[in-house]
Amino acid sequence: MARLARLEMARGWYHVINRGYQRRVIFRDCTDYENFLERLAEFPSRFGVKVHSFVMMPDHYHLQLELGEEPGLSASMHWLNTGYGIWFNRRHRRSGAVFRSRYKAVLFEPGECLLAIHYYIHLNPVRTGAFKAARSRSSGFEANLLKKRREMLHNYEWSSYQYYAGLRRSPGWLTLETVRRASGFSIRDYRRALDSRITRNELGLDWSGKVVAGVLMGGPVAVAAWKRLLIEKRGTEARRFRLLSWEDILAAIEAEWGQPWSQLASQRGTGAQAFAIWFGRHRGGLTLEELRRKLGLGSYAAVAMQVGRLQRALPGDTALRKRLRSLAQRLNVQC
């Protein structure tokens, strides 16, 4: 199924989630976690995206992000997931998809949901894994279990909790001030507040509203306005960027190069395969794994590398841009 672009708002706030393919582990050791963090640290300088909170679990991650004046959610997340996925496969000598599919991004109203999402993210290590809820016969939580939960929260190093709790010095790329102002807590009170949530077993999302259409979260006025924009955006993009079939893409490439695809697919240096991947990805709605299968390539990373190289080269290469426009004209779509 083809996917249209999300609603990206200037200064918009997003709760972003992604999981490992088939819920497999995406962080195997400290080196994996650290590499992902190094990439995340580049969001503010590279894309103008503020990182307010995060957590990385063995098989998934959560991010709380604020976009800049130029919305950069798609660009930043594509860069993060693709780059990390290629690096992960190389390091662990594997191939295939690392992440489940497209990341989930919920646009939320900070005045309504900022703290609820922030606490939800930081309580993730306590909510999942070995320390899920367990009641004693007296219907109260066992003191030992509560102690273990608090210790796990305080000691878990792959989230932004320790920075907010004053247990580690915060890196310059992590924005703490907005959440701190919204909570009104001192560092000590912040620790106490989350410890109290553990004691009361308030580990879920502390918000009574609904996530509309799976991607919008906030008060009724904001959500209604966003829904109108989302419907309009999807309708406009469906008209401007009609979805292409793989057969149409290959036919246009054959006409552009004047050779059958069976020959072009086996030739090096023509760029035909990279353009097939580009149009399949951006105008055909195909995933990298689907493209890998269609091209008969052995590696998911090889597909990602080809489209990545083309994407990076386009801004500075007049000949490539001319070729892209020519193919777009043959396919009757806009780029």
C-alpha atoms as a PDB file:
ATOM      1  CA  MET A   1       0.000   0.000   0.000  1.00  0.00           C
ATOM      2  CA  ALA A   2       1.404   3.409  -0.964  1.00  0.00           C
ATOM      3  CA  ARG A   3       1.991   5.956   1.745  1.00  0.00           C
ATOM      4  CA  LEU A   4       1.553   9.692   1.461  1.00  0.00           C
ATOM      5  CA  ALA A   5       3.590  12.185   3.433  1.00  0.00           C
ATOM      6  CA  ARG A   6       2.690  12.973   7.011  1.00  0.00           C
ATOM      7  CA  LEU A   7       1.473  16.308   8.271  1.00  0.00           C
ATOM      8  CA  GLU A   8       4.661  18.137   9.198  1.00  0.00           C
ATOM      9  CA  MET A   9       4.087  21.379  11.079  1.00  0.00           C
ATOM     10  CA  ALA A  10       6.609  24.132  11.669  1.00  0.00           C
ATOM     11  CA  ARG A  11       7.339  24.102  15.404  1.00  0.00           C
ATOM     12  CA  GLY A  12       5.256  20.932  15.638  1.00  0.00           C
ATOM     13  CA  TRP A  13       5.764  18.445  18.475  1.00  0.00           C
ATOM     14  CA  TYR A  14       5.951  14.715  17.716  1.00  0.00           C
ATOM     15  CA  HIS A  15       6.074  11.468  19.629  1.00  0.00           C
ATOM     16  CA  VAL A  16       8.038   9.118  17.355  1.00  0.00           C
ATOM     17  CA  ILE A  17       8.159   5.346  17.817  1.00  0.00           C
ATOM     18  CA  ASN A  18       9.852   2.604  15.842  1.00  0.00           C
ATOM     19  CA  ARG A  19      10.407  -1.094  16.464  1.00  0.00           C
ATOM     20  CA  GLY A  20      12.676  -3.784  15.174  1.00  0.00           C
ATOM     21  CA  TYR A  21      11.559  -5.828  12.192  1.00  0.00           C
ATOM     22  CA  GLN A  22       9.355  -8.647  13.527  1.00  0.00           C
ATOM     23  CA  ARG A  23      10.108  -7.200  16.983  1.00  0.00           C
ATOM     24  CA  ARG A  24      13.729  -8.269  16.745  1.00  0.00           C
ATOM     25  CA  VAL A  25      16.480  -6.641  18.788  1.00  0.00           C
ATOM     26  CA  ILE A  26      17.867  -3.435  17.251  1.00  0.00           C
ATOM     27  CA  PHE A  27      20.331  -2.639  20.064  1.00  0.00           C
ATOM     28  CA  ARG A  28      22.516  -5.624  20.964  1.00  0.00           C
ATOM     29  CA  ASP A  29      25.152  -3.950  23.111  1.00  0.00           C
ATOM     30  CA  CYS A  30      26.492  -0.601  24.318  1.00  0.00           C
ATOM     31  CA  THR A  31      28.175   0.139  21.000  1.00  0.00           C
ATOM     32  CA  ASP A  32      24.817  -0.058  19.203  1.00  0.00           C
ATOM     33  CA  TYR A  33      23.149   2.266  21.711  1.00  0.00           C
ATOM     34  CA  GLU A  34      26.013   4.732  21.532  1.00  0.00           C
ATOM     35  CA  ASN A  35      26.016   4.822  17.737  1.00  0.00           C
ATOM     36  CA  PHE A  36      22.285   5.570  17.663  1.00  0.00           C
ATOM     37  CA  LEU A  37      22.759   8.326  20.249  1.00  0.00           C
ATOM     38  CA  GLU A  38      25.573   9.888  18.227  1.00  0.00           C
ATOM     39  CA  ARG A  39      23.224  10.115  15.263  1.00  0.00           C
ATOM     40  CA  LEU A  40      20.377  11.486  17.370  1.00  0.00           C
ATOM     41  CA  ALA A  41      22.750  14.130  18.737  1.00  0.00           C
ATOM     42  CA  GLU A  42      23.019  15.630  15.240  1.00  0.00           C
ATOM     43  CA  PHE A  43      19.301  16.407  14.947  1.00  0.00           C
ATOM     44  CA  PRO A  44      19.513  20.019  16.235  1.00  0.00           C
ATOM     45  CA  SER A  45      22.479  21.099  14.117  1.00  0.00           C
ATOM     46  CA  ARG A  46      21.717  19.091  10.982  1.00  0.00           C
ATOM     47  CA  PHE A  47      17.909  19.378  10.799  1.00  0.00           C
ATOM     48  CA  GLY A  48      16.903  22.059  13.312  1.00  0.00           C
ATOM     49  CA  VAL A  49      14.976  19.433  15.307  1.00  0.00           C
ATOM     50  CA  LYS A  50      15.016  19.674  19.110  1.00  0.00           C
ATOM     51  CA  VAL A  51      15.210  16.453  21.127  1.00  0.00           C
ATOM     52  CA  HIS A  52      13.304  16.798  24.418  1.00  0.00           C
ATOM     53  CA  SER A  53      13.279  13.204  25.649  1.00  0.00           C
ATOM     54  CA  PHE A  54      14.119   9.722  24.449  1.00  0.00           C
ATOM     55  CA  VAL A  55      14.383   6.100  25.467  1.00  0.00           C
ATOM     56  CA  MET A  56      16.009   3.186  23.675  1.00  0.00           C
ATOM     57  CA  MET A  57      14.918  -0.332  24.547  1.00  0.00           C
ATOM     58  CA  PRO A  58      16.445  -3.489  23.044  1.00  0.00           C
ATOM     59  CA  ASP A  59      13.749  -3.817  20.353  1.00  0.00           C
ATOM     60  CA  HIS A  60      12.294  -0.294  19.998  1.00  0.00           C
ATOM     61  CA  TYR A  61      12.728   3.397  20.752  1.00  0.00           C
ATOM     62  CA  HIS A  62      10.654   6.492  21.612  1.00  0.00           C
ATOM     63  CA  LEU A  63      11.541  10.108  20.828  1.00  0.00           C
ATOM     64  CA  GLN A  64       9.890  13.389  21.823  1.00  0.00           C
ATOM     65  CA  LEU A  65      10.802  15.916  19.135  1.00  0.00           C
ATOM     66  CA  GLU A  66      10.054  19.550  18.283  1.00  0.00           C
ATOM     67  CA  LEU A  67      10.515  20.688  14.686  1.00  0.00           C
ATOM     68  CA  GLY A  68      12.004  24.019  13.677  1.00  0.00           C
ATOM     69  CA  GLU A  69      10.700  26.700  11.330  1.00  0.00           C
ATOM     70  CA  GLU A  70      11.479  24.388   8.416  1.00  0.00           C
ATOM     71  CA  PRO A  71       9.775  21.055   9.169  1.00  0.00           C
ATOM     72  CA  GLY A  72      12.372  18.311   9.000  1.00  0.00           C
ATOM     73  CA  LEU A  73      10.730  15.234  10.471  1.00  0.00           C
ATOM     74  CA  SER A  74      10.835  13.025   7.366  1.00  0.00           C
ATOM     75  CA  ALA A  75      14.373  14.055   6.455  1.00  0.00           C
ATOM     76  CA  SER A  76      15.744  13.564   9.967  1.00  0.00           C
ATOM     77  CA  MET A  77      14.041  10.228  10.585  1.00  0.00           C
ATOM     78  CA  HIS A  78      15.009   8.844   7.180  1.00  0.00           C
ATOM     79  CA  TRP A  79      18.610   9.859   7.848  1.00  0.00           C
ATOM     80  CA  LEU A  80      18.558   8.327  11.333  1.00  0.00           C
ATOM     81  CA  ASN A  81      16.865   5.022  10.520  1.00  0.00           C
ATOM     82  CA  THR A  82      18.583   4.390   7.194  1.00  0.00           C
ATOM     83  CA  GLY A  83      22.035   5.337   8.458  1.00  0.00           C
ATOM     84  CA  TYR A  84      21.731   3.308  11.624  1.00  0.00           C
ATOM     85  CA  GLY A  85      20.211   0.351   9.770  1.00  0.00           C
ATOM     86  CA  ILE A  86      23.087   0.157   7.280  1.00  0.00           C
ATOM     87  CA  TRP A  87      25.666   0.535  10.058  1.00  0.00           C
ATOM     88  CA  PHE A  88      23.930  -2.113  12.216  1.00  0.00           C
ATOM     89  CA  ASN A  89      23.857  -4.643   9.375  1.00  0.00           C
ATOM     90  CA  ARG A  90      27.509  -4.089   8.537  1.00  0.00           C
ATOM     91  CA  ARG A  91      28.620  -4.341  12.140  1.00  0.00           C
ATOM     92  CA  HIS A  92      26.667  -7.523  12.857  1.00  0.00           C
ATOM     93  CA  ARG A  93      27.260  -9.066   9.410  1.00  0.00           C
ATOM     94  CA  ARG A  94      23.594  -9.417   8.601  1.00  0.00           C
ATOM     95  CA  SER A  95      21.225  -8.310   5.849  1.00  0.00           C
ATOM     96  CA  GLY A  96      17.572  -7.394   5.622  1.00  0.00           C
ATOM     97  CA  ALA A  97      15.326  -4.863   7.312  1.00  0.00           C
ATOM     98  CA  VAL A  98      16.364  -3.606  10.747  1.00  0.00           C
ATOM     99  CA  PHE A  99      13.202  -1.672  11.554  1.00  0.00           C
ATOM    100  CA  ARG A 100       9.620  -2.895  11.333  1.00  0.00           C
ATOM    101  CA  SER A 101       8.588  -0.458   8.616  1.00  0.00           C
ATOM    102  CA  ARG A 102       7.890   3.231   8.554  1.00  0.00           C
ATOM    103  CA  TYR A 103       8.235   4.887  11.942  1.00  0.00           C
ATOM    104  CA  LYS A 104       5.076   6.065  13.728  1.00  0.00           C
ATOM    105  CA  ALA A 105       4.864   9.798  14.435  1.00  0.00           C
ATOM    106  CA  VAL A 106       2.055  11.305  16.537  1.00  0.00           C
ATOM    107  CA  LEU A 107       1.622  15.071  16.191  1.00  0.00           C
ATOM    108  CA  PHE A 108       0.584  16.337  19.631  1.00  0.00           C
ATOM    109  CA  GLU A 109      -0.439  19.573  21.298  1.00  0.00           C
ATOM    110  CA  PRO A 110       2.257  20.365  23.889  1.00  0.00           C
ATOM    111  CA  GLY A 111      -0.100  22.298  26.166  1.00  0.00           C
ATOM    112  CA  GLU A 112      -2.246  19.188  26.502  1.00  0.00           C
ATOM    113  CA  CYS A 113       0.139  16.272  26.158  1.00  0.00           C
ATOM    114  CA  LEU A 114       3.779  17.307  26.647  1.00  0.00           C
ATOM    115  CA  LEU A 115       4.236  15.980  30.191  1.00  0.00           C
ATOM    116  CA  ALA A 116       2.065  12.892  29.678  1.00  0.00           C
ATOM    117  CA  ILE A 117       4.217  11.757  26.742  1.00  0.00           C
ATOM    118  CA  HIS A 118       7.443  12.756  28.491  1.00  0.00           C
ATOM    119  CA  TYR A 119       6.661  10.655  31.583  1.00  0.00           C
ATOM    120  CA  TYR A 120       5.419   7.792  29.410  1.00  0.00           C
ATOM    121  CA  ILE A 121       8.751   7.720  27.588  1.00  0.00           C
ATOM    122  CA  HIS A 122      10.851   7.784  30.750  1.00  0.00           C
ATOM    123  CA  LEU A 123       8.800   5.078  32.471  1.00  0.00           C
ATOM    124  CA  ASN A 124       9.196   2.720  29.525  1.00  0.00           C
ATOM    125  CA  PRO A 125      12.042   0.645  31.053  1.00  0.00           C
ATOM    126  CA  VAL A 126       9.901   0.099  34.160  1.00  0.00           C
ATOM    127  CA  ARG A 127       6.711  -0.613  32.250  1.00  0.00           C
ATOM    128  CA  THR A 128       8.221  -3.298  30.001  1.00  0.00           C
ATOM    129  CA  GLY A 129      10.480  -6.248  30.541  1.00  0.00           C
ATOM    130  CA  ALA A 130      11.188  -7.997  33.811  1.00  0.00           C
ATOM    131  CA  PHE A 131       9.381  -5.614  36.153  1.00  0.00           C
ATOM    132  CA  LYS A 132       5.792  -5.591  34.935  1.00  0.00           C
ATOM    133  CA  ALA A 133       2.980  -5.256  37.466  1.00  0.00           C
ATOM    134  CA  ALA A 134       2.664  -8.018  40.073  1.00  0.00           C
ATOM    135  CA  ARG A 135       0.427  -7.826  43.120  1.00  0.00           C
ATOM    136  CA  SER A 136       0.842  -9.596  46.437  1.00  0.00           C
ATOM    137  CA  ARG A 137      -1.991 -11.341  48.262  1.00  0.00           C
ATOM    138  CA  SER A 138      -2.548  -8.204  50.336  1.00  0.00           C
ATOM    139  CA  SER A 139      -3.340  -6.408  47.015  1.00  0.00           C
ATOM    140  CA  GLY A 140      -0.427  -4.036  47.541  1.00  0.00           C
ATOM    141  CA  PHE A 141       2.761  -4.045  45.522  1.00  0.00           C
ATOM    142  CA  GLU A 142       5.654  -5.909  47.059  1.00  0.00           C
ATOM    143  CA  ALA A 143       8.172  -3.529  48.570  1.00  0.00           C
ATOM    144  CA  ASN A 144      11.014  -5.386  46.893  1.00  0.00           C
ATOM    145  CA  LEU A 145       9.393  -5.046  43.482  1.00  0.00           C
ATOM    146  CA  LEU A 146       8.902  -1.308  43.956  1.00  0.00           C
ATOM    147  CA  LYS A 147      12.508  -0.944  45.021  1.00  0.00           C
ATOM    148  CA  LYS A 148      13.702  -2.834  41.939  1.00  0.00           C
ATOM    149  CA  ARG A 149      11.552  -0.666  39.707  1.00  0.00           C
ATOM    150  CA  ARG A 150      12.930   2.546  41.148  1.00  0.00           C
ATOM    151  CA  GLU A 151      16.473   1.230  40.846  1.00  0.00           C
ATOM    152  CA  MET A 152      15.861   0.267  37.244  1.00  0.00           C
ATOM    153  CA  LEU A 153      14.543   3.732  36.415  1.00  0.00           C
ATOM    154  CA  HIS A 154      17.454   5.490  38.136  1.00  0.00           C
ATOM    155  CA  ASN A 155      20.119   3.220  36.641  1.00  0.00           C
ATOM    156  CA  TYR A 156      18.819   2.857  33.092  1.00  0.00           C
ATOM    157  CA  GLU A 157      21.355   4.776  31.024  1.00  0.00           C
ATOM    158  CA  TRP A 158      19.742   4.622  27.584  1.00  0.00           C
ATOM    159  CA  SER A 159      17.120   7.281  28.162  1.00  0.00           C
ATOM    160  CA  SER A 160      17.082  10.981  28.956  1.00  0.00           C
ATOM    161  CA  TYR A 161      15.763  10.359  32.501  1.00  0.00           C
ATOM    162  CA  GLN A 162      19.162  10.563  34.198  1.00  0.00           C
ATOM    163  CA  TYR A 163      19.743  14.016  32.689  1.00  0.00           C
ATOM    164  CA  TYR A 164      16.413  15.343  33.960  1.00  0.00           C
ATOM    165  CA  ALA A 165      16.959  13.696  37.338  1.00  0.00           C
ATOM    166  CA  GLY A 166      20.381  15.294  37.771  1.00  0.00           C
ATOM    167  CA  LEU A 167      22.167  11.943  37.789  1.00  0.00           C
ATOM    168  CA  ARG A 168      24.290  12.781  34.715  1.00  0.00           C
ATOM    169  CA  ARG A 169      25.470  15.978  33.101  1.00  0.00           C
ATOM    170  CA  SER A 170      23.239  16.804  30.174  1.00  0.00           C
ATOM    171  CA  PRO A 171      24.717  16.920  26.654  1.00  0.00           C
ATOM    172  CA  GLY A 172      24.346  20.159  24.733  1.00  0.00           C
ATOM    173  CA  TRP A 173      22.084  18.661  22.067  1.00  0.00           C
ATOM    174  CA  LEU A 174      19.336  17.629  24.526  1.00  0.00           C
ATOM    175  CA  THR A 175      16.749  20.340  25.340  1.00  0.00           C
ATOM    176  CA  LEU A 176      15.662  20.141  29.000  1.00  0.00           C
ATOM    177  CA  GLU A 177      14.293  23.618  29.704  1.00  0.00           C
ATOM    178  CA  THR A 178      10.867  23.287  28.081  1.00  0.00           C
ATOM    179  CA  VAL A 179       9.819  20.191  30.003  1.00  0.00           C
ATOM    180  CA  ARG A 180      11.272  21.538  33.234  1.00  0.00           C
ATOM    181  CA  ARG A 181       9.270  24.760  32.887  1.00  0.00           C
ATOM    182  CA  ALA A 182       6.112  22.819  32.104  1.00  0.00           C
ATOM    183  CA  SER A 183       6.496  20.532  35.131  1.00  0.00           C
ATOM    184  CA  GLY A 184       7.605  23.231  37.569  1.00  0.00           C
ATOM    185  CA  PHE A 185       9.674  20.602  39.393  1.00  0.00           C
ATOM    186  CA  SER A 186      13.114  21.010  40.846  1.00  0.00           C
ATOM    187  CA  ILE A 187      15.524  18.202  40.017  1.00  0.00           C
ATOM    188  CA  ARG A 188      14.844  16.529  43.361  1.00  0.00           C
ATOM    189  CA  ASP A 189      11.067  16.904  42.980  1.00  0.00           C
ATOM    190  CA  TYR A 190      11.285  15.461  39.483  1.00  0.00           C
ATOM    191  CA  ARG A 191      12.867  12.280  40.839  1.00  0.00           C
ATOM    192  CA  ARG A 192      10.242  12.100  43.564  1.00  0.00           C
ATOM    193  CA  ALA A 193       7.413  12.605  41.081  1.00  0.00           C
ATOM    194  CA  LEU A 194       8.457   9.653  38.935  1.00  0.00           C
ATOM    195  CA  ASP A 195       9.166   7.488  41.977  1.00  0.00           C
ATOM    196  CA  SER A 196       5.646   8.310  43.141  1.00  0.00           C
ATOM    197  CA  ARG A 197       4.211   7.200  39.806  1.00  0.00           C
ATOM    198  CA  ILE A 198       5.972   3.876  40.229  1.00  0.00           C
ATOM    199  CA  THR A 199       4.565   3.471  43.743  1.00  0.00           C
ATOM    200  CA  ARG A 200       1.032   4.209  42.477  1.00  0.00           C
ATOM    201  CA  ASN A 201       1.532   1.967  39.411  1.00  0.00           C
ATOM    202  CA  GLU A 202       0.845   4.922  37.115  1.00  0.00           C
ATOM    203  CA  LEU A 203       3.123   3.706  34.347  1.00  0.00           C
ATOM    204  CA  GLY A 204       0.946   4.227  31.287  1.00  0.00           C
ATOM    205  CA  LEU A 205       0.004   7.298  29.278  1.00  0.00           C
ATOM    206  CA  ASP A 206      -1.621   9.691  31.745  1.00  0.00           C
ATOM    207  CA  TRP A 207      -3.984  11.316  29.263  1.00  0.00           C
ATOM    208  CA  SER A 208      -7.728  10.829  28.908  1.00  0.00           C
ATOM    209  CA  GLY A 209      -8.103  11.812  25.254  1.00  0.00           C
ATOM    210  CA  LYS A 210      -7.880   9.732  22.109  1.00  0.00           C
ATOM    211  CA  VAL A 211      -5.217   9.552  19.425  1.00  0.00           C
ATOM    212  CA  VAL A 212      -7.216  10.542  16.347  1.00  0.00           C
ATOM    213  CA  ALA A 213      -6.465   8.678  13.117  1.00  0.00           C
ATOM    214  CA  GLY A 214      -3.465   7.198  14.914  1.00  0.00           C
ATOM    215  CA  VAL A 215      -1.402  10.365  14.353  1.00  0.00           C
ATOM    216  CA  LEU A 216      -3.084  13.335  16.100  1.00  0.00           C
ATOM    217  CA  MET A 217      -3.192  13.924  19.847  1.00  0.00           C
ATOM    218  CA  GLY A 218      -4.502  17.006  21.628  1.00  0.00           C
ATOM    219  CA  GLY A 219      -7.548  19.072  22.473  1.00  0.00           C
ATOM    220  CA  PRO A 220     -10.601  19.044  20.169  1.00  0.00           C
ATOM    221  CA  VAL A 221      -9.882  22.460  18.613  1.00  0.00           C
ATOM    222  CA  ALA A 222      -6.287  21.638  17.655  1.00  0.00           C
ATOM    223  CA  VAL A 223      -7.140  18.148  16.433  1.00  0.00           C
ATOM    224  CA  ALA A 224     -10.020  19.429  14.279  1.00  0.00           C
ATOM    225  CA  ALA A 225      -7.720  21.976  12.631  1.00  0.00           C
ATOM    226  CA  TRP A 226      -5.021  19.368  12.044  1.00  0.00           C
ATOM    227  CA  LYS A 227      -7.548  16.932  10.557  1.00  0.00           C
ATOM    228  CA  ARG A 228      -8.615  19.522   8.001  1.00  0.00           C
ATOM    229  CA  LEU A 229      -4.983  20.176   7.072  1.00  0.00           C
ATOM    230  CA  LEU A 230      -4.216  16.466   6.863  1.00  0.00           C
ATOM    231  CA  ILE A 231      -7.192  15.753   4.602  1.00  0.00           C
ATOM    232  CA  GLU A 232      -6.308  18.704   2.385  1.00  0.00           C
ATOM    233  CA  LYS A 233      -2.640  17.699   2.236  1.00  0.00           C
ATOM    234  CA  ARG A 234      -3.401  14.107   1.360  1.00  0.00           C
ATOM    235  CA  GLY A 235      -5.839  15.171  -1.335  1.00  0.00           C
ATOM    236  CA  THR A 236      -3.350  17.641  -2.828  1.00  0.00           C
ATOM    237  CA  GLU A 237      -0.506  15.140  -2.819  1.00  0.00           C
ATOM    238  CA  ALA A 238      -2.670  12.429  -4.323  1.00  0.00           C
ATOM    239  CA  ARG A 239      -3.336  14.781  -7.241  1.00  0.00           C
ATOM    240  CA  ARG A 240       0.187  16.178  -7.637  1.00  0.00           C
ATOM    241  CA  PHE A 241       2.109  13.005  -6.958  1.00  0.00           C
ATOM    242  CA  ARG A 242       0.088  10.199  -8.420  1.00  0.00           C
ATOM    243  CA  LEU A 243       1.316   6.776  -7.407  1.00  0.00           C
ATOM    244  CA  LEU A 244       3.277   4.885 -10.026  1.00  0.00           C
ATOM    245  CA  SER A 245       3.364   1.203 -10.784  1.00  0.00           C
ATOM    246  CA  TRP A 246       6.715  -0.561 -10.978  1.00  0.00           C
ATOM    247  CA  GLU A 247       5.960  -1.443 -14.600  1.00  0.00           C
ATOM    248  CA  ASP A 248       5.423   2.234 -15.494  1.00  0.00           C
ATOM    249  CA  ILE A 249       8.731   3.180 -13.867  1.00  0.00           C
ATOM    250  CA  LEU A 250      10.688   0.530 -15.772  1.00  0.00           C
ATOM    251  CA  ALA A 251       9.000   1.479 -19.048  1.00  0.00           C
ATOM    252  CA  ALA A 252      10.030   5.129 -18.589  1.00  0.00           C
ATOM    253  CA  ILE A 253      13.612   4.120 -17.805  1.00  0.00           C
ATOM    254  CA  GLU A 254      13.764   1.897 -20.887  1.00  0.00           C
ATOM    255  CA  ALA A 255      12.539   4.811 -23.023  1.00  0.00           C
ATOM    256  CA  GLU A 256      14.983   7.246 -21.391  1.00  0.00           C
ATOM    257  CA  TRP A 257      18.041   5.010 -21.935  1.00  0.00           C
ATOM    258  CA  GLY A 258      16.816   3.409 -25.155  1.00  0.00           C
ATOM    259  CA  GLN A 259      17.565  -0.092 -23.867  1.00  0.00           C
ATOM    260  CA  PRO A 260      15.473  -2.907 -22.398  1.00  0.00           C
ATOM    261  CA  TRP A 261      15.459  -3.172 -18.614  1.00  0.00           C
ATOM    262  CA  SER A 262      16.940  -6.665 -18.776  1.00  0.00           C
ATOM    263  CA  GLN A 263      20.141  -5.113 -20.147  1.00  0.00           C
ATOM    264  CA  LEU A 264      20.144  -1.984 -17.981  1.00  0.00           C
ATOM    265  CA  ALA A 265      19.685  -3.982 -14.793  1.00  0.00           C
ATOM    266  CA  SER A 266      22.977  -5.812 -15.370  1.00  0.00           C
ATOM    267  CA  GLN A 267      25.029  -2.777 -16.452  1.00  0.00           C
ATOM    268  CA  ARG A 268      27.129  -0.750 -14.049  1.00  0.00           C
ATOM    269  CA  GLY A 269      27.543   3.005 -14.126  1.00  0.00           C
ATOM    270  CA  THR A 270      24.369   3.885 -16.046  1.00  0.00           C
ATOM    271  CA  GLY A 271      22.432   5.091 -12.975  1.00  0.00           C
ATOM    272  CA  ALA A 272      19.296   3.398 -14.303  1.00  0.00           C
ATOM    273  CA  GLN A 273      18.898   1.148 -11.284  1.00  0.00           C
ATOM    274  CA  ALA A 274      19.353   4.036  -8.832  1.00  0.00           C
ATOM    275  CA  PHE A 275      16.636   6.038 -10.593  1.00  0.00           C
ATOM    276  CA  ALA A 276      14.341   3.002 -10.600  1.00  0.00           C
ATOM    277  CA  ILE A 277      14.836   2.765  -6.832  1.00  0.00           C
ATOM    278  CA  TRP A 278      14.307   6.527  -6.395  1.00  0.00           C
ATOM    279  CA  PHE A 279      10.999   6.576  -8.277  1.00  0.00           C
ATOM    280  CA  GLY A 280       9.868   3.313  -6.716  1.00  0.00           C
ATOM    281  CA  ARG A 281      10.568   4.697  -3.267  1.00  0.00           C
ATOM    282  CA  HIS A 282       9.328   8.266  -3.661  1.00  0.00           C
ATOM    283  CA  ARG A 283       6.600   7.930  -6.275  1.00  0.00           C
ATOM    284  CA  GLY A 284       5.609   4.291  -6.087  1.00  0.00           C
ATOM    285  CA  GLY A 285       5.284   3.956  -2.320  1.00  0.00           C
ATOM    286  CA  LEU A 286       7.508   0.864  -2.226  1.00  0.00           C
ATOM    287  CA  THR A 287       9.585  -0.042   0.806  1.00  0.00           C
ATOM    288  CA  LEU A 288      13.304  -0.731   0.503  1.00  0.00           C
ATOM    289  CA  GLU A 289      12.648  -4.406   1.159  1.00  0.00           C
ATOM    290  CA  GLU A 290      10.045  -4.540  -1.640  1.00  0.00           C
ATOM    291  CA  LEU A 291      12.512  -2.861  -3.985  1.00  0.00           C
ATOM    292  CA  ARG A 292      15.231  -5.311  -3.004  1.00  0.00           C
ATOM    293  CA  ARG A 293      12.996  -8.207  -4.004  1.00  0.00           C
ATOM    294  CA  LYS A 294      11.959  -6.599  -7.293  1.00  0.00           C
ATOM    295  CA  LEU A 295      15.575  -5.939  -8.241  1.00  0.00           C
ATOM    296  CA  GLY A 296      16.789  -9.337  -7.092  1.00  0.00           C
ATOM    297  CA  LEU A 297      19.452  -7.806  -4.861  1.00  0.00           C
ATOM    298  CA  GLY A 298      20.869  -9.770  -1.964  1.00  0.00           C
ATOM    299  CA  SER A 299      21.100  -6.917   0.484  1.00  0.00           C
ATOM    300  CA  TYR A 300      18.617  -4.413   1.858  1.00  0.00           C
ATOM    301  CA  ALA A 301      21.601  -2.155   2.551  1.00  0.00           C
ATOM    302  CA  ALA A 302      22.585  -2.132  -1.142  1.00  0.00           C
ATOM    303  CA  VAL A 303      19.196  -0.641  -2.053  1.00  0.00           C
ATOM    304  CA  ALA A 304      19.420   1.992   0.681  1.00  0.00           C
ATOM    305  CA  MET A 305      22.967   2.923  -0.341  1.00  0.00           C
ATOM    306  CA  GLN A 306      22.008   3.444  -3.998  1.00  0.00           C
ATOM    307  CA  VAL A 307      19.062   5.714  -3.276  1.00  0.00           C
ATOM    308  CA  GLY A 308      21.090   7.518  -0.604  1.00  0.00           C
ATOM    309  CA  ARG A 309      23.970   8.246  -2.978  1.00  0.00           C
ATOM    310  CA  LEU A 310      21.584   9.533  -5.635  1.00  0.00           C
ATOM    311  CA  GLN A 311      19.739  11.720  -3.138  1.00  0.00           C
ATOM    312  CA  ARG A 312      23.000  13.271  -1.910  1.00  0.00           C
ATOM    313  CA  ALA A 313      24.332  13.827  -5.431  1.00  0.00           C
ATOM    314  CA  LEU A 314      21.229  15.466  -6.920  1.00  0.00           C
ATOM    315  CA  PRO A 315      21.657  18.977  -5.417  1.00  0.00           C
ATOM    316  CA  GLY A 316      25.132  19.451  -6.923  1.00  0.00           C
ATOM    317  CA  ASP A 317      24.829  17.510 -10.189  1.00  0.00           C
ATOM    318  CA  THR A 318      23.047  19.300 -13.038  1.00  0.00           C
ATOM    319  CA  ALA A 319      23.084  16.229 -15.308  1.00  0.00           C
ATOM    320  CA  LEU A 320      21.405  14.062 -12.669  1.00  0.00           C
ATOM    321  CA  ARG A 321      18.722  16.675 -12.024  1.00  0.00           C
ATOM    322  CA  LYS A 322      18.076  16.938 -15.772  1.00  0.00           C
ATOM    323  CA  ARG A 323      17.711  13.155 -15.979  1.00  0.00           C
ATOM    324  CA  LEU A 324      15.313  13.186 -13.012  1.00  0.00           C
ATOM    325  CA  ARG A 325      13.131  15.860 -14.628  1.00  0.00           C
ATOM    326  CA  SER A 326      13.131  13.980 -17.945  1.00  0.00           C
ATOM    327  CA  LEU A 327      11.957  10.780 -16.248  1.00  0.00           C
ATOM    328  CA  ALA A 328       9.324  12.708 -14.318  1.00  0.00           C
ATOM    329  CA  GLN A 329       7.998  14.145 -17.593  1.00  0.00           C
ATOM    330  CA  ARG A 330       7.820  10.682 -19.139  1.00  0.00           C
ATOM    331  CA  LEU A 331       5.899   9.473 -16.086  1.00  0.00           C
ATOM    332  CA  ASN A 332       3.732  12.630 -15.953  1.00  0.00           C
ATOM    333  CA  VAL A 333       4.464  13.342 -12.323  1.00  0.00           C
ATOM    334  CA  GLN A 334       6.026  16.240 -10.438  1.00  0.00           C
ATOM    335  CA  CYS A 335       9.250  16.020  -8.449  1.00  0.00           C
END
